[in-house]
Amino acid sequence: MKSLFRSKPMTILLGILIWGWMSLIARSVRWKVEGEGPARAAWASHKGIVIAAWHSRIMVLPSGWHRNMKHWPGEIRDGAMLVSLSPDGEAVTRAIAHLGLHPIRGSAGNKKKAKKDKGGIRA
């Protein structure tokens, strides 16, 4: 079953479904951005900012921020998101591409798999 979900056609389909879900949420949720004034000021005065979120918000944050930030001054063409290097991260990579976000692939290492490079340092 794992190989089915990690196959290229399935990751393409999952990417489209995830993006569709993100788009639906972005359009149907009433967004309240706290601290928008300071965030806009930081955006305008710096060449880049980092936005962090809990894993439980990973499916909502890209579409919500993209929906709100596209009205901010300047361009968000360099928006990016950290995505796992694992095959499971491929569907998320495809989904965020529809939002105009670039993937940065890599994640923290696992102590149990110390010899396996997960790309966290490069990311």
PDB file of N, CA and C in Angstrom:
ATOM      1  N   MET A   1       0.829  -1.199   0.000  1.00  0.00           N
ATOM      2  CA  MET A   1       0.000   0.000   0.000  1.00  0.00           C
ATOM      3  C   MET A   1       0.868   1.256   0.000  1.00  0.00           C
ATOM      4  N   LYS A   2       1.996   1.190   0.758  1.00  0.00           N
ATOM      5  CA  LYS A   2       2.887   2.345   0.816  1.00  0.00           C
ATOM      6  C   LYS A   2       3.424   2.697  -0.563  1.00  0.00           C
ATOM      7  N   SER A   3       3.790   1.673  -1.339  1.00  0.00           N
ATOM      8  CA  SER A   3       4.340   1.937  -2.669  1.00  0.00           C
ATOM      9  C   SER A   3       3.300   2.563  -3.591  1.00  0.00           C
ATOM     10  N   LEU A   4       2.028   2.214  -3.411  1.00  0.00           N
ATOM     11  CA  LEU A   4       0.965   2.822  -4.218  1.00  0.00           C
ATOM     12  C   LEU A   4       0.873   4.321  -3.944  1.00  0.00           C
ATOM     13  N   PHE A   5       0.864   4.701  -2.668  1.00  0.00           N
ATOM     14  CA  PHE A   5       0.734   6.105  -2.310  1.00  0.00           C
ATOM     15  C   PHE A   5       1.980   6.913  -2.623  1.00  0.00           C
ATOM     16  N   ARG A   6       3.096   6.252  -2.808  1.00  0.00           N
ATOM     17  CA  ARG A   6       4.339   6.958  -3.136  1.00  0.00           C
ATOM     18  C   ARG A   6       4.655   6.923  -4.627  1.00  0.00           C
ATOM     19  N   SER A   7       3.786   6.315  -5.420  1.00  0.00           N
ATOM     20  CA  SER A   7       4.005   6.272  -6.865  1.00  0.00           C
ATOM     21  C   SER A   7       3.776   7.669  -7.450  1.00  0.00           C
ATOM     22  N   LYS A   8       4.397   7.923  -8.581  1.00  0.00           N
ATOM     23  CA  LYS A   8       4.300   9.258  -9.192  1.00  0.00           C
ATOM     24  C   LYS A   8       2.858   9.662  -9.520  1.00  0.00           C
ATOM     25  N   PRO A   9       2.043   8.792 -10.149  1.00  0.00           N
ATOM     26  CA  PRO A   9       0.658   9.211 -10.423  1.00  0.00           C
ATOM     27  C   PRO A   9      -0.115   9.539  -9.141  1.00  0.00           C
ATOM     28  N   MET A  10       0.125   8.773  -8.091  1.00  0.00           N
ATOM     29  CA  MET A  10      -0.603   9.008  -6.843  1.00  0.00           C
ATOM     30  C   MET A  10      -0.131  10.302  -6.176  1.00  0.00           C
ATOM     31  N   THR A  11       1.188  10.591  -6.208  1.00  0.00           N
ATOM     32  CA  THR A  11       1.656  11.846  -5.607  1.00  0.00           C
ATOM     33  C   THR A  11       1.122  13.048  -6.380  1.00  0.00           C
ATOM     34  N   ILE A  12       0.993  12.901  -7.686  1.00  0.00           N
ATOM     35  CA  ILE A  12       0.401  13.984  -8.486  1.00  0.00           C
ATOM     36  C   ILE A  12      -1.058  14.186  -8.073  1.00  0.00           C
ATOM     37  N   LEU A  13      -1.824  13.082  -7.976  1.00  0.00           N
ATOM     38  CA  LEU A  13      -3.222  13.161  -7.569  1.00  0.00           C
ATOM     39  C   LEU A  13      -3.354  13.710  -6.151  1.00  0.00           C
ATOM     40  N   LEU A  14      -2.552  13.223  -5.227  1.00  0.00           N
ATOM     41  CA  LEU A  14      -2.603  13.716  -3.847  1.00  0.00           C
ATOM     42  C   LEU A  14      -2.239  15.195  -3.776  1.00  0.00           C
ATOM     43  N   GLY A  15      -1.254  15.607  -4.572  1.00  0.00           N
ATOM     44  CA  GLY A  15      -0.870  17.018  -4.614  1.00  0.00           C
ATOM     45  C   GLY A  15      -2.022  17.900  -5.051  1.00  0.00           C
ATOM     46  N   ILE A  16      -2.754  17.448  -6.057  1.00  0.00           N
ATOM     47  CA  ILE A  16      -3.919  18.212  -6.538  1.00  0.00           C
ATOM     48  C   ILE A  16      -5.014  18.243  -5.472  1.00  0.00           C
ATOM     49  N   LEU A  17      -5.262  17.106  -4.832  1.00  0.00           N
ATOM     50  CA  LEU A  17      -6.289  17.048  -3.787  1.00  0.00           C
ATOM     51  C   LEU A  17      -5.920  17.920  -2.585  1.00  0.00           C
ATOM     52  N   ILE A  18      -4.656  17.878  -2.174  1.00  0.00           N
ATOM     53  CA  ILE A  18      -4.205  18.708  -1.043  1.00  0.00           C
ATOM     54  C   ILE A  18      -4.335  20.181  -1.396  1.00  0.00           C
ATOM     55  N   TRP A  19      -3.909  20.548  -2.593  1.00  0.00           N
ATOM     56  CA  TRP A  19      -4.027  21.942  -3.033  1.00  0.00           C
ATOM     57  C   TRP A  19      -5.501  22.364  -3.078  1.00  0.00           C
ATOM     58  N   GLY A  20      -6.375  21.489  -3.591  1.00  0.00           N
ATOM     59  CA  GLY A  20      -7.800  21.795  -3.637  1.00  0.00           C
ATOM     60  C   GLY A  20      -8.367  22.021  -2.244  1.00  0.00           C
ATOM     61  N   TRP A  21      -7.947  21.171  -1.309  1.00  0.00           N
ATOM     62  CA  TRP A  21      -8.410  21.316   0.070  1.00  0.00           C
ATOM     63  C   TRP A  21      -7.902  22.622   0.661  1.00  0.00           C
ATOM     64  N   MET A  22      -6.615  22.937   0.427  1.00  0.00           N
ATOM     65  CA  MET A  22      -6.048  24.199   0.927  1.00  0.00           C
ATOM     66  C   MET A  22      -6.801  25.389   0.350  1.00  0.00           C
ATOM     67  N   SER A  23      -7.125  25.334  -0.923  1.00  0.00           N
ATOM     68  CA  SER A  23      -7.842  26.428  -1.577  1.00  0.00           C
ATOM     69  C   SER A  23      -9.250  26.581  -1.018  1.00  0.00           C
ATOM     70  N   LEU A  24      -9.912  25.467  -0.787  1.00  0.00           N
ATOM     71  CA  LEU A  24     -11.246  25.502  -0.209  1.00  0.00           C
ATOM     72  C   LEU A  24     -11.219  26.119   1.182  1.00  0.00           C
ATOM     73  N   ILE A  25     -10.271  25.698   1.996  1.00  0.00           N
ATOM     74  CA  ILE A  25     -10.132  26.235   3.350  1.00  0.00           C
ATOM     75  C   ILE A  25      -9.827  27.733   3.285  1.00  0.00           C
ATOM     76  N   ALA A  26      -8.921  28.128   2.401  1.00  0.00           N
ATOM     77  CA  ALA A  26      -8.534  29.540   2.299  1.00  0.00           C
ATOM     78  C   ALA A  26      -9.722  30.423   1.946  1.00  0.00           C
ATOM     79  N   ARG A  27     -10.634  29.899   1.146  1.00  0.00           N
ATOM     80  CA  ARG A  27     -11.781  30.693   0.708  1.00  0.00           C
ATOM     81  C   ARG A  27     -12.979  30.609   1.655  1.00  0.00           C
ATOM     82  N   SER A  28     -13.028  29.576   2.474  1.00  0.00           N
ATOM     83  CA  SER A  28     -14.218  29.382   3.298  1.00  0.00           C
ATOM     84  C   SER A  28     -14.021  29.713   4.774  1.00  0.00           C
ATOM     85  N   VAL A  29     -12.796  29.987   5.177  1.00  0.00           N
ATOM     86  CA  VAL A  29     -12.512  30.315   6.574  1.00  0.00           C
ATOM     87  C   VAL A  29     -12.418  31.822   6.719  1.00  0.00           C
ATOM     88  N   ARG A  30     -12.967  32.348   7.786  1.00  0.00           N
ATOM     89  CA  ARG A  30     -12.831  33.772   8.079  1.00  0.00           C
ATOM     90  C   ARG A  30     -11.485  33.937   8.783  1.00  0.00           C
ATOM     91  N   TRP A  31     -10.563  34.577   8.109  1.00  0.00           N
ATOM     92  CA  TRP A  31      -9.195  34.711   8.622  1.00  0.00           C
ATOM     93  C   TRP A  31      -9.074  35.942   9.497  1.00  0.00           C
ATOM     94  N   LYS A  32      -8.426  35.778  10.631  1.00  0.00           N
ATOM     95  CA  LYS A  32      -8.096  36.903  11.497  1.00  0.00           C
ATOM     96  C   LYS A  32      -6.592  36.832  11.727  1.00  0.00           C
ATOM     97  N   VAL A  33      -5.896  37.808  11.204  1.00  0.00           N
ATOM     98  CA  VAL A  33      -4.443  37.834  11.326  1.00  0.00           C
ATOM     99  C   VAL A  33      -4.093  38.747  12.491  1.00  0.00           C
ATOM    100  N   GLU A  34      -3.513  38.167  13.510  1.00  0.00           N
ATOM    101  CA  GLU A  34      -3.093  38.952  14.671  1.00  0.00           C
ATOM    102  C   GLU A  34      -1.675  39.453  14.432  1.00  0.00           C
ATOM    103  N   GLY A  35      -1.446  40.705  14.746  1.00  0.00           N
ATOM    104  CA  GLY A  35      -0.118  41.292  14.557  1.00  0.00           C
ATOM    105  C   GLY A  35       0.199  41.597  13.112  1.00  0.00           C
ATOM    106  N   GLU A  36      -0.818  41.846  12.309  1.00  0.00           N
ATOM    107  CA  GLU A  36      -0.594  42.101  10.888  1.00  0.00           C
ATOM    108  C   GLU A  36       0.207  43.383  10.646  1.00  0.00           C
ATOM    109  N   GLY A  37      -0.038  44.403  11.444  1.00  0.00           N
ATOM    110  CA  GLY A  37       0.697  45.665  11.269  1.00  0.00           C
ATOM    111  C   GLY A  37       2.206  45.475  11.412  1.00  0.00           C
ATOM    112  N   PRO A  38       2.679  44.902  12.528  1.00  0.00           N
ATOM    113  CA  PRO A  38       4.115  44.659  12.668  1.00  0.00           C
ATOM    114  C   PRO A  38       4.665  43.692  11.609  1.00  0.00           C
ATOM    115  N   ALA A  39       3.851  42.715  11.220  1.00  0.00           N
ATOM    116  CA  ALA A  39       4.303  41.772  10.188  1.00  0.00           C
ATOM    117  C   ALA A  39       4.487  42.480   8.846  1.00  0.00           C
ATOM    118  N   ARG A  40       3.566  43.371   8.501  1.00  0.00           N
ATOM    119  CA  ARG A  40       3.707  44.143   7.257  1.00  0.00           C
ATOM    120  C   ARG A  40       4.935  45.044   7.299  1.00  0.00           C
ATOM    121  N   ALA A  41       5.179  45.645   8.462  1.00  0.00           N
ATOM    122  CA  ALA A  41       6.352  46.512   8.614  1.00  0.00           C
ATOM    123  C   ALA A  41       7.635  45.697   8.451  1.00  0.00           C
ATOM    124  N   ALA A  42       7.681  44.511   9.040  1.00  0.00           N
ATOM    125  CA  ALA A  42       8.860  43.642   8.906  1.00  0.00           C
ATOM    126  C   ALA A  42       9.028  43.211   7.455  1.00  0.00           C
ATOM    127  N   TRP A  43       7.925  42.901   6.799  1.00  0.00           N
ATOM    128  CA  TRP A  43       7.956  42.493   5.393  1.00  0.00           C
ATOM    129  C   TRP A  43       8.519  43.618   4.516  1.00  0.00           C
ATOM    130  N   ALA A  44       8.083  44.845   4.775  1.00  0.00           N
ATOM    131  CA  ALA A  44       8.501  45.980   3.950  1.00  0.00           C
ATOM    132  C   ALA A  44       9.953  46.380   4.206  1.00  0.00           C
ATOM    133  N   SER A  45      10.449  46.168   5.423  1.00  0.00           N
ATOM    134  CA  SER A  45      11.779  46.670   5.751  1.00  0.00           C
ATOM    135  C   SER A  45      12.884  45.625   5.669  1.00  0.00           C
ATOM    136  N   HIS A  46      12.556  44.371   5.399  1.00  0.00           N
ATOM    137  CA  HIS A  46      13.568  43.328   5.326  1.00  0.00           C
ATOM    138  C   HIS A  46      13.469  42.574   4.004  1.00  0.00           C
ATOM    139  N   LYS A  47      14.560  41.934   3.654  1.00  0.00           N
ATOM    140  CA  LYS A  47      14.559  41.164   2.413  1.00  0.00           C
ATOM    141  C   LYS A  47      13.900  39.806   2.574  1.00  0.00           C
ATOM    142  N   GLY A  48      13.627  39.415   3.782  1.00  0.00           N
ATOM    143  CA  GLY A  48      12.975  38.132   3.996  1.00  0.00           C
ATOM    144  C   GLY A  48      12.550  37.960   5.430  1.00  0.00           C
ATOM    145  N   ILE A  49      11.489  37.243   5.623  1.00  0.00           N
ATOM    146  CA  ILE A  49      11.043  36.910   6.968  1.00  0.00           C
ATOM    147  C   ILE A  49      10.728  35.417   7.002  1.00  0.00           C
ATOM    148  N   VAL A  50      10.763  34.852   8.182  1.00  0.00           N
ATOM    149  CA  VAL A  50      10.462  33.439   8.371  1.00  0.00           C
ATOM    150  C   VAL A  50       9.166  33.344   9.167  1.00  0.00           C
ATOM    151  N   ILE A  51       8.252  32.547   8.676  1.00  0.00           N
ATOM    152  CA  ILE A  51       6.995  32.312   9.363  1.00  0.00           C
ATOM    153  C   ILE A  51       6.999  30.856   9.808  1.00  0.00           C
ATOM    154  N   ALA A  52       6.788  30.632  11.081  1.00  0.00           N
ATOM    155  CA  ALA A  52       6.807  29.274  11.622  1.00  0.00           C
ATOM    156  C   ALA A  52       5.413  28.886  12.083  1.00  0.00           C
ATOM    157  N   ALA A  53       5.126  27.594  12.012  1.00  0.00           N
ATOM    158  CA  ALA A  53       3.809  27.108  12.439  1.00  0.00           C
ATOM    159  C   ALA A  53       3.938  25.696  12.996  1.00  0.00           C
ATOM    160  N   TRP A  54       2.968  25.311  13.781  1.00  0.00           N
ATOM    161  CA  TRP A  54       2.901  23.952  14.297  1.00  0.00           C
ATOM    162  C   TRP A  54       2.502  23.013  13.166  1.00  0.00           C
ATOM    163  N   HIS A  55       2.910  21.762  13.273  1.00  0.00           N
ATOM    164  CA  HIS A  55       2.547  20.771  12.265  1.00  0.00           C
ATOM    165  C   HIS A  55       1.037  20.664  12.071  1.00  0.00           C
ATOM    166  N   SER A  56       0.281  20.873  13.141  1.00  0.00           N
ATOM    167  CA  SER A  56      -1.170  20.743  13.023  1.00  0.00           C
ATOM    168  C   SER A  56      -1.781  21.819  12.119  1.00  0.00           C
ATOM    169  N   ARG A  57      -1.023  22.850  11.796  1.00  0.00           N
ATOM    170  CA  ARG A  57      -1.519  23.938  10.939  1.00  0.00           C
ATOM    171  C   ARG A  57      -0.919  23.885   9.533  1.00  0.00           C
ATOM    172  N   ILE A  58      -0.162  22.856   9.250  1.00  0.00           N
ATOM    173  CA  ILE A  58       0.594  22.808   8.003  1.00  0.00           C
ATOM    174  C   ILE A  58      -0.309  22.801   6.761  1.00  0.00           C
ATOM    175  N   MET A  59      -1.510  22.272   6.876  1.00  0.00           N
ATOM    176  CA  MET A  59      -2.396  22.219   5.718  1.00  0.00           C
ATOM    177  C   MET A  59      -3.183  23.515   5.528  1.00  0.00           C
ATOM    178  N   VAL A  60      -3.158  24.397   6.508  1.00  0.00           N
ATOM    179  CA  VAL A  60      -3.933  25.628   6.432  1.00  0.00           C
ATOM    180  C   VAL A  60      -3.029  26.837   6.218  1.00  0.00           C
ATOM    181  N   LEU A  61      -1.878  26.838   6.838  1.00  0.00           N
ATOM    182  CA  LEU A  61      -1.008  28.009   6.822  1.00  0.00           C
ATOM    183  C   LEU A  61      -0.605  28.479   5.430  1.00  0.00           C
ATOM    184  N   PRO A  62      -0.134  27.603   4.532  1.00  0.00           N
ATOM    185  CA  PRO A  62       0.288  28.125   3.218  1.00  0.00           C
ATOM    186  C   PRO A  62      -0.808  28.866   2.477  1.00  0.00           C
ATOM    187  N   SER A  63      -2.002  28.311   2.458  1.00  0.00           N
ATOM    188  CA  SER A  63      -3.079  28.971   1.713  1.00  0.00           C
ATOM    189  C   SER A  63      -3.558  30.231   2.418  1.00  0.00           C
ATOM    190  N   GLY A  64      -3.593  30.214   3.749  1.00  0.00           N
ATOM    191  CA  GLY A  64      -4.026  31.403   4.489  1.00  0.00           C
ATOM    192  C   GLY A  64      -3.063  32.558   4.353  1.00  0.00           C
ATOM    193  N   TRP A  65      -1.786  32.272   4.518  1.00  0.00           N
ATOM    194  CA  TRP A  65      -0.793  33.329   4.376  1.00  0.00           C
ATOM    195  C   TRP A  65      -0.729  33.817   2.939  1.00  0.00           C
ATOM    196  N   HIS A  66      -0.806  32.902   2.001  1.00  0.00           N
ATOM    197  CA  HIS A  66      -0.772  33.302   0.597  1.00  0.00           C
ATOM    198  C   HIS A  66      -1.966  34.188   0.269  1.00  0.00           C
ATOM    199  N   ARG A  67      -3.127  33.833   0.782  1.00  0.00           N
ATOM    200  CA  ARG A  67      -4.344  34.618   0.531  1.00  0.00           C
ATOM    201  C   ARG A  67      -4.220  36.028   1.113  1.00  0.00           C
ATOM    202  N   ASN A  68      -3.663  36.151   2.309  1.00  0.00           N
ATOM    203  CA  ASN A  68      -3.525  37.460   2.945  1.00  0.00           C
ATOM    204  C   ASN A  68      -2.335  38.246   2.405  1.00  0.00           C
ATOM    205  N   MET A  69      -1.215  37.586   2.204  1.00  0.00           N
ATOM    206  CA  MET A  69       0.009  38.290   1.823  1.00  0.00           C
ATOM    207  C   MET A  69       0.011  38.771   0.374  1.00  0.00           C
ATOM    208  N   LYS A  70      -0.831  38.192  -0.467  1.00  0.00           N
ATOM    209  CA  LYS A  70      -0.807  38.641  -1.860  1.00  0.00           C
ATOM    210  C   LYS A  70      -1.282  40.089  -2.001  1.00  0.00           C
ATOM    211  N   HIS A  71      -1.901  40.619  -0.952  1.00  0.00           N
ATOM    212  CA  HIS A  71      -2.348  42.016  -0.963  1.00  0.00           C
ATOM    213  C   HIS A  71      -1.323  42.949  -0.316  1.00  0.00           C
ATOM    214  N   TRP A  72      -0.240  42.403   0.187  1.00  0.00           N
ATOM    215  CA  TRP A  72       0.791  43.225   0.818  1.00  0.00           C
ATOM    216  C   TRP A  72       1.633  43.893  -0.259  1.00  0.00           C
ATOM    217  N   PRO A  73       2.291  44.997   0.089  1.00  0.00           N
ATOM    218  CA  PRO A  73       3.146  45.661  -0.914  1.00  0.00           C
ATOM    219  C   PRO A  73       4.323  44.760  -1.293  1.00  0.00           C
ATOM    220  N   GLY A  74       4.765  44.889  -2.525  1.00  0.00           N
ATOM    221  CA  GLY A  74       5.880  44.072  -2.995  1.00  0.00           C
ATOM    222  C   GLY A  74       5.376  42.733  -3.508  1.00  0.00           C
ATOM    223  N   GLU A  75       6.302  41.848  -3.778  1.00  0.00           N
ATOM    224  CA  GLU A  75       5.951  40.552  -4.332  1.00  0.00           C
ATOM    225  C   GLU A  75       6.273  39.449  -3.340  1.00  0.00           C
ATOM    226  N   ILE A  76       5.533  38.350  -3.430  1.00  0.00           N
ATOM    227  CA  ILE A  76       5.828  37.197  -2.585  1.00  0.00           C
ATOM    228  C   ILE A  76       6.370  36.047  -3.432  1.00  0.00           C
ATOM    229  N   ARG A  77       6.958  36.386  -4.555  1.00  0.00           N
ATOM    230  CA  ARG A  77       7.423  35.358  -5.478  1.00  0.00           C
ATOM    231  C   ARG A  77       8.468  34.438  -4.880  1.00  0.00           C
ATOM    232  N   ASP A  78       9.132  34.883  -3.830  1.00  0.00           N
ATOM    233  CA  ASP A  78      10.163  34.063  -3.226  1.00  0.00           C
ATOM    234  C   ASP A  78       9.662  33.295  -2.006  1.00  0.00           C
ATOM    235  N   GLY A  79       8.349  33.212  -1.831  1.00  0.00           N
ATOM    236  CA  GLY A  79       7.799  32.467  -0.714  1.00  0.00           C
ATOM    237  C   GLY A  79       8.192  30.997  -0.812  1.00  0.00           C
ATOM    238  N   ALA A  80       8.555  30.415   0.300  1.00  0.00           N
ATOM    239  CA  ALA A  80       8.998  29.026   0.308  1.00  0.00           C
ATOM    240  C   ALA A  80       8.483  28.329   1.559  1.00  0.00           C
ATOM    241  N   MET A  81       8.513  27.005   1.524  1.00  0.00           N
ATOM    242  CA  MET A  81       8.053  26.200   2.645  1.00  0.00           C
ATOM    243  C   MET A  81       8.981  25.014   2.817  1.00  0.00           C
ATOM    244  N   LEU A  82       9.344  24.738   4.062  1.00  0.00           N
ATOM    245  CA  LEU A  82      10.180  23.589   4.372  1.00  0.00           C
ATOM    246  C   LEU A  82       9.324  22.327   4.322  1.00  0.00           C
ATOM    247  N   VAL A  83       9.742  21.363   3.496  1.00  0.00           N
ATOM    248  CA  VAL A  83       8.988  20.121   3.302  1.00  0.00           C
ATOM    249  C   VAL A  83       9.943  18.945   3.452  1.00  0.00           C
ATOM    250  N   SER A  84       9.475  17.901   4.073  1.00  0.00           N
ATOM    251  CA  SER A  84      10.276  16.704   4.287  1.00  0.00           C
ATOM    252  C   SER A  84      10.837  16.150   2.980  1.00  0.00           C
ATOM    253  N   LEU A  85      12.042  15.602   3.056  1.00  0.00           N
ATOM    254  CA  LEU A  85      12.671  14.957   1.905  1.00  0.00           C
ATOM    255  C   LEU A  85      12.066  13.583   1.639  1.00  0.00           C
ATOM    256  N   SER A  86      11.280  13.077   2.557  1.00  0.00           N
ATOM    257  CA  SER A  86      10.710  11.738   2.419  1.00  0.00           C
ATOM    258  C   SER A  86       9.765  11.692   1.218  1.00  0.00           C
ATOM    259  N   PRO A  87       9.497  10.505   0.714  1.00  0.00           N
ATOM    260  CA  PRO A  87       8.547  10.389  -0.393  1.00  0.00           C
ATOM    261  C   PRO A  87       7.171  10.952  -0.045  1.00  0.00           C
ATOM    262  N   ASP A  88       6.808  10.928   1.228  1.00  0.00           N
ATOM    263  CA  ASP A  88       5.513  11.485   1.649  1.00  0.00           C
ATOM    264  C   ASP A  88       5.440  12.993   1.428  1.00  0.00           C
ATOM    265  N   GLY A  89       6.583  13.674   1.445  1.00  0.00           N
ATOM    266  CA  GLY A  89       6.613  15.116   1.252  1.00  0.00           C
ATOM    267  C   GLY A  89       6.399  15.539  -0.190  1.00  0.00           C
ATOM    268  N   GLU A  90       6.474  14.597  -1.123  1.00  0.00           N
ATOM    269  CA  GLU A  90       6.330  14.930  -2.538  1.00  0.00           C
ATOM    270  C   GLU A  90       4.942  15.486  -2.861  1.00  0.00           C
ATOM    271  N   ALA A  91       3.894  14.924  -2.270  1.00  0.00           N
ATOM    272  CA  ALA A  91       2.535  15.422  -2.526  1.00  0.00           C
ATOM    273  C   ALA A  91       2.375  16.848  -2.012  1.00  0.00           C
ATOM    274  N   VAL A  92       2.951  17.142  -0.842  1.00  0.00           N
ATOM    275  CA  VAL A  92       2.889  18.504  -0.292  1.00  0.00           C
ATOM    276  C   VAL A  92       3.665  19.459  -1.191  1.00  0.00           C
ATOM    277  N   THR A  93       4.815  19.005  -1.692  1.00  0.00           N
ATOM    278  CA  THR A  93       5.617  19.818  -2.610  1.00  0.00           C
ATOM    279  C   THR A  93       4.801  20.197  -3.840  1.00  0.00           C
ATOM    280  N   ARG A  94       4.074  19.236  -4.379  1.00  0.00           N
ATOM    281  CA  ARG A  94       3.252  19.505  -5.560  1.00  0.00           C
ATOM    282  C   ARG A  94       2.087  20.442  -5.224  1.00  0.00           C
ATOM    283  N   ALA A  95       1.506  20.278  -4.047  1.00  0.00           N
ATOM    284  CA  ALA A  95       0.376  21.124  -3.645  1.00  0.00           C
ATOM    285  C   ALA A  95       0.795  22.582  -3.489  1.00  0.00           C
ATOM    286  N   ILE A  96       1.915  22.831  -2.817  1.00  0.00           N
ATOM    287  CA  ILE A  96       2.317  24.223  -2.589  1.00  0.00           C
ATOM    288  C   ILE A  96       2.792  24.894  -3.874  1.00  0.00           C
ATOM    289  N   ALA A  97       3.208  24.091  -4.852  1.00  0.00           N
ATOM    290  CA  ALA A  97       3.597  24.672  -6.143  1.00  0.00           C
ATOM    291  C   ALA A  97       2.410  25.375  -6.789  1.00  0.00           C
ATOM    292  N   HIS A  98       1.201  24.851  -6.590  1.00  0.00           N
ATOM    293  CA  HIS A  98      -0.011  25.487  -7.127  1.00  0.00           C
ATOM    294  C   HIS A  98      -0.278  26.837  -6.451  1.00  0.00           C
ATOM    295  N   LEU A  99       0.266  27.016  -5.255  1.00  0.00           N
ATOM    296  CA  LEU A  99       0.102  28.285  -4.530  1.00  0.00           C
ATOM    297  C   LEU A  99       1.232  29.264  -4.839  1.00  0.00           C
ATOM    298  N   GLY A 100       2.171  28.851  -5.683  1.00  0.00           N
ATOM    299  CA  GLY A 100       3.289  29.715  -6.023  1.00  0.00           C
ATOM    300  C   GLY A 100       4.398  29.705  -4.982  1.00  0.00           C
ATOM    301  N   LEU A 101       4.395  28.724  -4.100  1.00  0.00           N
ATOM    302  CA  LEU A 101       5.439  28.611  -3.079  1.00  0.00           C
ATOM    303  C   LEU A 101       6.496  27.614  -3.542  1.00  0.00           C
ATOM    304  N   HIS A 102       7.731  27.878  -3.201  1.00  0.00           N
ATOM    305  CA  HIS A 102       8.835  27.000  -3.565  1.00  0.00           C
ATOM    306  C   HIS A 102       9.144  26.061  -2.403  1.00  0.00           C
ATOM    307  N   PRO A 103       9.386  24.789  -2.693  1.00  0.00           N
ATOM    308  CA  PRO A 103       9.727  23.870  -1.606  1.00  0.00           C
ATOM    309  C   PRO A 103      11.210  23.953  -1.253  1.00  0.00           C
ATOM    310  N   ILE A 104      11.495  23.870   0.026  1.00  0.00           N
ATOM    311  CA  ILE A 104      12.855  23.681   0.507  1.00  0.00           C
ATOM    312  C   ILE A 104      12.815  22.317   1.171  1.00  0.00           C
ATOM    313  N   ARG A 105      13.454  21.338   0.548  1.00  0.00           N
ATOM    314  CA  ARG A 105      13.317  19.954   1.003  1.00  0.00           C
ATOM    315  C   ARG A 105      14.373  19.609   2.043  1.00  0.00           C
ATOM    316  N   GLY A 106      13.923  19.065   3.162  1.00  0.00           N
ATOM    317  CA  GLY A 106      14.804  18.601   4.227  1.00  0.00           C
ATOM    318  C   GLY A 106      14.083  18.620   5.555  1.00  0.00           C
ATOM    319  N   SER A 107      14.571  17.843   6.497  1.00  0.00           N
ATOM    320  CA  SER A 107      13.987  17.819   7.830  1.00  0.00           C
ATOM    321  C   SER A 107      15.035  17.384   8.838  1.00  0.00           C
ATOM    322  N   ALA A 108      14.702  17.512  10.102  1.00  0.00           N
ATOM    323  CA  ALA A 108      15.638  17.161  11.172  1.00  0.00           C
ATOM    324  C   ALA A 108      15.899  15.662  11.163  1.00  0.00           C
ATOM    325  N   GLY A 109      17.065  15.296  11.637  1.00  0.00           N
ATOM    326  CA  GLY A 109      17.426  13.890  11.720  1.00  0.00           C
ATOM    327  C   GLY A 109      16.672  13.174  12.827  1.00  0.00           C
ATOM    328  N   ASN A 110      16.656  11.882  12.735  1.00  0.00           N
ATOM    329  CA  ASN A 110      16.023  11.031  13.724  1.00  0.00           C
ATOM    330  C   ASN A 110      17.130  10.336  14.517  1.00  0.00           C
ATOM    331  N   LYS A 111      17.108  10.428  15.834  1.00  0.00           N
ATOM    332  CA  LYS A 111      18.157   9.832  16.655  1.00  0.00           C
ATOM    333  C   LYS A 111      18.269   8.329  16.424  1.00  0.00           C
ATOM    334  N   LYS A 112      17.162   7.672  16.126  1.00  0.00           N
ATOM    335  CA  LYS A 112      17.168   6.232  15.889  1.00  0.00           C
ATOM    336  C   LYS A 112      17.801   5.886  14.544  1.00  0.00           C
ATOM    337  N   LYS A 113      17.798   6.849  13.631  1.00  0.00           N
ATOM    338  CA  LYS A 113      18.372   6.641  12.294  1.00  0.00           C
ATOM    339  C   LYS A 113      19.487   7.649  12.072  1.00  0.00           C
ATOM    340  N   ALA A 114      20.447   7.674  12.975  1.00  0.00           N
ATOM    341  CA  ALA A 114      21.501   8.700  12.974  1.00  0.00           C
ATOM    342  C   ALA A 114      22.309   8.729  11.684  1.00  0.00           C
ATOM    343  N   LYS A 115      22.433   7.602  11.029  1.00  0.00           N
ATOM    344  CA  LYS A 115      23.249   7.555   9.810  1.00  0.00           C
ATOM    345  C   LYS A 115      22.506   8.029   8.566  1.00  0.00           C
ATOM    346  N   LYS A 116      21.203   8.212   8.671  1.00  0.00           N
ATOM    347  CA  LYS A 116      20.411   8.616   7.523  1.00  0.00           C
ATOM    348  C   LYS A 116      20.331  10.141   7.435  1.00  0.00           C
ATOM    349  N   ASP A 117      20.816  10.694   6.320  1.00  0.00           N
ATOM    350  CA  ASP A 117      20.771  12.138   6.108  1.00  0.00           C
ATOM    351  C   ASP A 117      19.388  12.526   5.604  1.00  0.00           C
ATOM    352  N   LYS A 118      18.708  13.387   6.367  1.00  0.00           N
ATOM    353  CA  LYS A 118      17.370  13.824   5.974  1.00  0.00           C
ATOM    354  C   LYS A 118      17.381  15.230   5.382  1.00  0.00           C
ATOM    355  N   GLY A 119      18.570  15.786   5.145  1.00  0.00           N
ATOM    356  CA  GLY A 119      18.690  17.058   4.462  1.00  0.00           C
ATOM    357  C   GLY A 119      18.429  18.295   5.297  1.00  0.00           C
ATOM    358  N   GLY A 120      18.333  18.137   6.600  1.00  0.00           N
ATOM    359  CA  GLY A 120      18.007  19.264   7.470  1.00  0.00           C
ATOM    360  C   GLY A 120      19.038  20.366   7.444  1.00  0.00           C
ATOM    361  N   ILE A 121      20.299  20.012   7.464  1.00  0.00           N
ATOM    362  CA  ILE A 121      21.363  21.037   7.476  1.00  0.00           C
ATOM    363  C   ILE A 121      21.360  21.801   6.171  1.00  0.00           C
ATOM    364  N   ARG A 122      21.213  21.127   5.035  1.00  0.00           N
ATOM    365  CA  ARG A 122      21.177  21.815   3.734  1.00  0.00           C
ATOM    366  C   ARG A 122      19.960  22.715   3.630  1.00  0.00           C
ATOM    367  N   ALA A 123      18.824  22.255   4.158  1.00  0.00           N
ATOM    368  CA  ALA A 123      17.592  23.047   4.082  1.00  0.00           C
ATOM    369  C   ALA A 123      17.749  24.316   4.898  1.00  0.00           C
TER     370      ALA A 123
END
